């Protein structure tokens, strides 16, 4: 991995340092303001939008 450039030894501490690839995802905080509001389609009090349900499933998987 050193020859591939993924790890290098720190010259001062001689401990390995790992190179991380940049990510293209955006980190979210606990306030999900990007999920739009939702009106009840089926009149169930616990009904949620598919976008919100998808986010919850992905976050907990």
PDB file of N, CA and C in Angstrom:
ATOM      1  N   UNK A   1       0.817  -1.191   0.000  1.00  0.00           N
ATOM      2  CA  UNK A   1       0.000   0.000   0.000  1.00  0.00           C
ATOM      3  C   UNK A   1       0.865   1.260   0.000  1.00  0.00           C
ATOM      4  N   UNK A   2       2.059   1.142   0.530  1.00  0.00           N
ATOM      5  CA  UNK A   2       2.959   2.291   0.525  1.00  0.00           C
ATOM      6  C   UNK A   2       3.342   2.646  -0.909  1.00  0.00           C
ATOM      7  N   UNK A   3       3.632   1.628  -1.721  1.00  0.00           N
ATOM      8  CA  UNK A   3       4.024   1.895  -3.111  1.00  0.00           C
ATOM      9  C   UNK A   3       2.867   2.477  -3.923  1.00  0.00           C
ATOM     10  N   UNK A   4       1.631   2.193  -3.525  1.00  0.00           N
ATOM     11  CA  UNK A   4       0.458   2.733  -4.217  1.00  0.00           C
ATOM     12  C   UNK A   4       0.131   4.153  -3.775  1.00  0.00           C
ATOM     13  N   UNK A   5       0.771   4.631  -2.720  1.00  0.00           N
ATOM     14  CA  UNK A   5       0.523   5.980  -2.233  1.00  0.00           C
ATOM     15  C   UNK A   5      -0.652   6.094  -1.286  1.00  0.00           C
ATOM     16  N   UNK A   6      -1.174   4.961  -0.826  1.00  0.00           N
ATOM     17  CA  UNK A   6      -2.313   4.996   0.088  1.00  0.00           C
ATOM     18  C   UNK A   6      -1.870   5.165   1.540  1.00  0.00           C
ATOM     19  N   UNK A   7      -0.641   4.768   1.832  1.00  0.00           N
ATOM     20  CA  UNK A   7      -0.084   4.904   3.181  1.00  0.00           C
ATOM     21  C   UNK A   7       1.308   5.501   3.052  1.00  0.00           C
ATOM     22  N   UNK A   8       1.650   6.372   3.990  1.00  0.00           N
ATOM     23  CA  UNK A   8       3.030   6.854   4.069  1.00  0.00           C
ATOM     24  C   UNK A   8       3.417   6.914   5.533  1.00  0.00           C
ATOM     25  N   UNK A   9       4.689   6.783   5.807  1.00  0.00           N
ATOM     26  CA  UNK A   9       5.174   6.886   7.173  1.00  0.00           C
ATOM     27  C   UNK A   9       5.502   8.338   7.474  1.00  0.00           C
ATOM     28  N   UNK A  10       5.002   8.810   8.596  1.00  0.00           N
ATOM     29  CA  UNK A  10       5.291  10.168   9.033  1.00  0.00           C
ATOM     30  C   UNK A  10       6.776  10.242   9.361  1.00  0.00           C
ATOM     31  N   UNK A  11       7.507  11.204   8.778  1.00  0.00           N
ATOM     32  CA  UNK A  11       8.953  11.267   9.001  1.00  0.00           C
ATOM     33  C   UNK A  11       9.342  11.546  10.452  1.00  0.00           C
ATOM     34  N   UNK A  12       8.505  12.245  11.201  1.00  0.00           N
ATOM     35  CA  UNK A  12       8.834  12.552  12.598  1.00  0.00           C
ATOM     36  C   UNK A  12       8.472  11.415  13.544  1.00  0.00           C
ATOM     37  N   UNK A  13       7.279  10.858  13.382  1.00  0.00           N
ATOM     38  CA  UNK A  13       6.801   9.843  14.326  1.00  0.00           C
ATOM     39  C   UNK A  13       6.963   8.417  13.812  1.00  0.00           C
ATOM     40  N   UNK A  14       7.200   8.264  12.519  1.00  0.00           N
ATOM     41  CA  UNK A  14       7.305   6.969  11.853  1.00  0.00           C
ATOM     42  C   UNK A  14       6.029   6.136  11.983  1.00  0.00           C
ATOM     43  N   UNK A  15       4.911   6.803  12.239  1.00  0.00           N
ATOM     44  CA  UNK A  15       3.618   6.125  12.280  1.00  0.00           C
ATOM     45  C   UNK A  15       2.972   6.243  10.907  1.00  0.00           C
ATOM     46  N   UNK A  16       2.160   5.255  10.537  1.00  0.00           N
ATOM     47  CA  UNK A  16       1.521   5.318   9.219  1.00  0.00           C
ATOM     48  C   UNK A  16       0.455   6.399   9.149  1.00  0.00           C
ATOM     49  N   UNK A  17       0.389   7.063   8.010  1.00  0.00           N
ATOM     50  CA  UNK A  17      -0.663   8.032   7.724  1.00  0.00           C
ATOM     51  C   UNK A  17      -1.403   7.526   6.499  1.00  0.00           C
ATOM     52  N   UNK A  18      -2.709   7.542   6.574  1.00  0.00           N
ATOM     53  CA  UNK A  18      -3.536   6.987   5.508  1.00  0.00           C
ATOM     54  C   UNK A  18      -4.102   8.104   4.648  1.00  0.00           C
ATOM     55  N   UNK A  19      -4.064   7.911   3.345  1.00  0.00           N
ATOM     56  CA  UNK A  19      -4.620   8.882   2.403  1.00  0.00           C
ATOM     57  C   UNK A  19      -6.064   8.497   2.130  1.00  0.00           C
ATOM     58  N   UNK A  20      -6.973   9.419   2.356  1.00  0.00           N
ATOM     59  CA  UNK A  20      -8.386   9.178   2.126  1.00  0.00           C
ATOM     60  C   UNK A  20      -8.795   9.759   0.784  1.00  0.00           C
ATOM     61  N   UNK A  21      -9.597   9.012   0.062  1.00  0.00           N
ATOM     62  CA  UNK A  21     -10.132   9.489  -1.205  1.00  0.00           C
ATOM     63  C   UNK A  21     -11.219  10.519  -0.930  1.00  0.00           C
ATOM     64  N   UNK A  22     -11.309  11.564  -1.731  1.00  0.00           N
ATOM     65  CA  UNK A  22     -12.380  12.548  -1.527  1.00  0.00           C
ATOM     66  C   UNK A  22     -13.746  11.910  -1.782  1.00  0.00           C
ATOM     67  N   UNK A  23     -14.714  12.309  -0.995  1.00  0.00           N
ATOM     68  CA  UNK A  23     -16.068  11.773  -1.157  1.00  0.00           C
ATOM     69  C   UNK A  23     -16.934  12.800  -1.867  1.00  0.00           C
ATOM     70  N   UNK A  24     -17.926  12.308  -2.607  1.00  0.00           N
ATOM     71  CA  UNK A  24     -18.806  13.191  -3.358  1.00  0.00           C
ATOM     72  C   UNK A  24     -20.151  13.360  -2.674  1.00  0.00           C
ATOM     73  N   UNK A  25     -20.302  12.796  -1.485  1.00  0.00           N
ATOM     74  CA  UNK A  25     -21.570  12.915  -0.776  1.00  0.00           C
ATOM     75  C   UNK A  25     -21.531  14.109   0.164  1.00  0.00           C
ATOM     76  N   UNK A  26     -22.680  14.603   0.481  1.00  0.00           N
ATOM     77  CA  UNK A  26     -22.789  15.734   1.386  1.00  0.00           C
ATOM     78  C   UNK A  26     -23.254  15.219   2.748  1.00  0.00           C
ATOM     79  N   UNK A  27     -22.531  15.578   3.789  1.00  0.00           N
ATOM     80  CA  UNK A  27     -22.905  15.149   5.126  1.00  0.00           C
ATOM     81  C   UNK A  27     -24.074  15.980   5.633  1.00  0.00           C
ATOM     82  N   UNK A  28     -24.985  15.325   6.324  1.00  0.00           N
ATOM     83  CA  UNK A  28     -26.146  16.002   6.880  1.00  0.00           C
ATOM     84  C   UNK A  28     -26.059  16.008   8.391  1.00  0.00           C
ATOM     85  N   UNK A  29     -26.659  17.012   8.992  1.00  0.00           N
ATOM     86  CA  UNK A  29     -26.739  17.010  10.443  1.00  0.00           C
ATOM     87  C   UNK A  29     -28.068  16.384  10.848  1.00  0.00           C
ATOM     88  N   UNK A  30     -28.459  16.538  12.082  1.00  0.00           N
ATOM     89  CA  UNK A  30     -29.690  15.907  12.557  1.00  0.00           C
ATOM     90  C   UNK A  30     -30.941  16.698  12.186  1.00  0.00           C
ATOM     91  N   UNK A  31     -30.782  17.871  11.587  1.00  0.00           N
ATOM     92  CA  UNK A  31     -31.922  18.676  11.160  1.00  0.00           C
ATOM     93  C   UNK A  31     -32.077  18.517   9.650  1.00  0.00           C
ATOM     94  N   UNK A  32     -33.033  17.695   9.233  1.00  0.00           N
ATOM     95  CA  UNK A  32     -33.200  17.374   7.820  1.00  0.00           C
ATOM     96  C   UNK A  32     -34.117  18.387   7.151  1.00  0.00           C
ATOM     97  N   UNK A  33     -33.613  19.577   6.924  1.00  0.00           N
ATOM     98  CA  UNK A  33     -34.428  20.624   6.308  1.00  0.00           C
ATOM     99  C   UNK A  33     -34.530  20.468   4.798  1.00  0.00           C
ATOM    100  N   UNK A  34     -33.752  19.564   4.209  1.00  0.00           N
ATOM    101  CA  UNK A  34     -33.817  19.375   2.764  1.00  0.00           C
ATOM    102  C   UNK A  34     -34.972  18.466   2.344  1.00  0.00           C
ATOM    103  N   UNK A  35     -35.650  17.819   3.299  1.00  0.00           N
ATOM    104  CA  UNK A  35     -36.819  17.001   2.983  1.00  0.00           C
ATOM    105  C   UNK A  35     -38.037  17.917   3.011  1.00  0.00           C
ATOM    106  N   UNK A  36     -38.745  18.020   1.892  1.00  0.00           N
ATOM    107  CA  UNK A  36     -39.870  18.961   1.841  1.00  0.00           C
ATOM    108  C   UNK A  36     -41.028  18.546   2.742  1.00  0.00           C
ATOM    109  N   UNK A  37     -41.861  19.528   3.077  1.00  0.00           N
ATOM    110  CA  UNK A  37     -43.051  19.250   3.867  1.00  0.00           C
ATOM    111  C   UNK A  37     -43.984  18.313   3.129  1.00  0.00           C
ATOM    112  N   UNK A  38     -44.949  17.761   3.850  1.00  0.00           N
ATOM    113  CA  UNK A  38     -45.776  16.723   3.260  1.00  0.00           C
ATOM    114  C   UNK A  38     -47.209  16.880   3.717  1.00  0.00           C
ATOM    115  N   UNK A  39     -48.131  16.763   2.794  1.00  0.00           N
ATOM    116  CA  UNK A  39     -49.548  16.758   3.152  1.00  0.00           C
ATOM    117  C   UNK A  39     -50.038  15.324   3.147  1.00  0.00           C
ATOM    118  N   UNK A  40     -50.982  15.042   3.990  1.00  0.00           N
ATOM    119  CA  UNK A  40     -51.471  13.676   4.125  1.00  0.00           C
ATOM    120  C   UNK A  40     -52.288  13.277   2.910  1.00  0.00           C
ATOM    121  N   UNK A  41     -51.878  12.210   2.273  1.00  0.00           N
ATOM    122  CA  UNK A  41     -52.544  11.713   1.077  1.00  0.00           C
ATOM    123  C   UNK A  41     -53.619  10.689   1.440  1.00  0.00           C
ATOM    124  N   UNK A  42     -53.329   9.866   2.431  1.00  0.00           N
ATOM    125  CA  UNK A  42     -54.241   8.783   2.806  1.00  0.00           C
ATOM    126  C   UNK A  42     -54.914   9.028   4.152  1.00  0.00           C
ATOM    127  N   UNK A  43     -54.658  10.178   4.757  1.00  0.00           N
ATOM    128  CA  UNK A  43     -55.268  10.591   6.026  1.00  0.00           C
ATOM    129  C   UNK A  43     -54.894   9.703   7.217  1.00  0.00           C
ATOM    130  N   UNK A  44     -53.717   9.100   7.165  1.00  0.00           N
ATOM    131  CA  UNK A  44     -53.193   8.391   8.325  1.00  0.00           C
ATOM    132  C   UNK A  44     -52.336   9.374   9.112  1.00  0.00           C
ATOM    133  N   UNK A  45     -52.485   9.456  10.440  1.00  0.00           N
ATOM    134  CA  UNK A  45     -51.730  10.439  11.218  1.00  0.00           C
ATOM    135  C   UNK A  45     -50.219  10.199  11.215  1.00  0.00           C
ATOM    136  N   UNK A  46     -49.780   8.976  10.945  1.00  0.00           N
ATOM    137  CA  UNK A  46     -48.346   8.678  10.948  1.00  0.00           C
ATOM    138  C   UNK A  46     -47.759   8.611   9.545  1.00  0.00           C
ATOM    139  N   UNK A  47     -48.506   9.061   8.559  1.00  0.00           N
ATOM    140  CA  UNK A  47     -48.052   8.995   7.168  1.00  0.00           C
ATOM    141  C   UNK A  47     -46.856   9.929   6.957  1.00  0.00           C
ATOM    142  N   UNK A  48     -45.867   9.441   6.209  1.00  0.00           N
ATOM    143  CA  UNK A  48     -44.672  10.229   5.892  1.00  0.00           C
ATOM    144  C   UNK A  48     -44.397  10.150   4.400  1.00  0.00           C
ATOM    145  N   UNK A  49     -43.633  11.107   3.908  1.00  0.00           N
ATOM    146  CA  UNK A  49     -43.298  11.106   2.485  1.00  0.00           C
ATOM    147  C   UNK A  49     -42.341   9.955   2.178  1.00  0.00           C
ATOM    148  N   UNK A  50     -42.356   9.510   0.925  1.00  0.00           N
ATOM    149  CA  UNK A  50     -41.457   8.436   0.517  1.00  0.00           C
ATOM    150  C   UNK A  50     -40.004   8.873   0.629  1.00  0.00           C
ATOM    151  N   UNK A  51     -39.736  10.148   0.361  1.00  0.00           N
ATOM    152  CA  UNK A  51     -38.370  10.660   0.457  1.00  0.00           C
ATOM    153  C   UNK A  51     -37.866  10.573   1.899  1.00  0.00           C
ATOM    154  N   UNK A  52     -38.707  10.921   2.859  1.00  0.00           N
ATOM    155  CA  UNK A  52     -38.311  10.836   4.264  1.00  0.00           C
ATOM    156  C   UNK A  52     -38.114   9.384   4.683  1.00  0.00           C
ATOM    157  N   UNK A  53     -39.015   8.504   4.279  1.00  0.00           N
ATOM    158  CA  UNK A  53     -38.880   7.090   4.626  1.00  0.00           C
ATOM    159  C   UNK A  53     -37.621   6.486   4.015  1.00  0.00           C
ATOM    160  N   UNK A  54     -37.311   6.870   2.777  1.00  0.00           N
ATOM    161  CA  UNK A  54     -36.090   6.382   2.139  1.00  0.00           C
ATOM    162  C   UNK A  54     -34.855   6.847   2.908  1.00  0.00           C
ATOM    163  N   UNK A  55     -34.843   8.106   3.328  1.00  0.00           N
ATOM    164  CA  UNK A  55     -33.712   8.644   4.100  1.00  0.00           C
ATOM    165  C   UNK A  55     -33.538   7.887   5.410  1.00  0.00           C
ATOM    166  N   UNK A  56     -34.632   7.591   6.086  1.00  0.00           N
ATOM    167  CA  UNK A  56     -34.561   6.870   7.359  1.00  0.00           C
ATOM    168  C   UNK A  56     -34.019   5.461   7.145  1.00  0.00           C
ATOM    169  N   UNK A  57     -34.481   4.785   6.103  1.00  0.00           N
ATOM    170  CA  UNK A  57     -34.005   3.426   5.826  1.00  0.00           C
ATOM    171  C   UNK A  57     -32.523   3.430   5.489  1.00  0.00           C
ATOM    172  N   UNK A  58     -32.085   4.363   4.666  1.00  0.00           N
ATOM    173  CA  UNK A  58     -30.667   4.444   4.300  1.00  0.00           C
ATOM    174  C   UNK A  58     -29.810   4.780   5.518  1.00  0.00           C
ATOM    175  N   UNK A  59     -30.276   5.694   6.356  1.00  0.00           N
ATOM    176  CA  UNK A  59     -29.499   6.102   7.528  1.00  0.00           C
ATOM    177  C   UNK A  59     -29.368   4.982   8.544  1.00  0.00           C
ATOM    178  N   UNK A  60     -30.350   4.102   8.596  1.00  0.00           N
ATOM    179  CA  UNK A  60     -30.311   3.044   9.605  1.00  0.00           C
ATOM    180  C   UNK A  60     -29.823   1.712   9.051  1.00  0.00           C
ATOM    181  N   UNK A  61     -29.431   1.674   7.789  1.00  0.00           N
ATOM    182  CA  UNK A  61     -28.952   0.408   7.196  1.00  0.00           C
ATOM    183  C   UNK A  61     -27.443   0.322   7.250  1.00  0.00           C
TER     184      UNK A  61
END
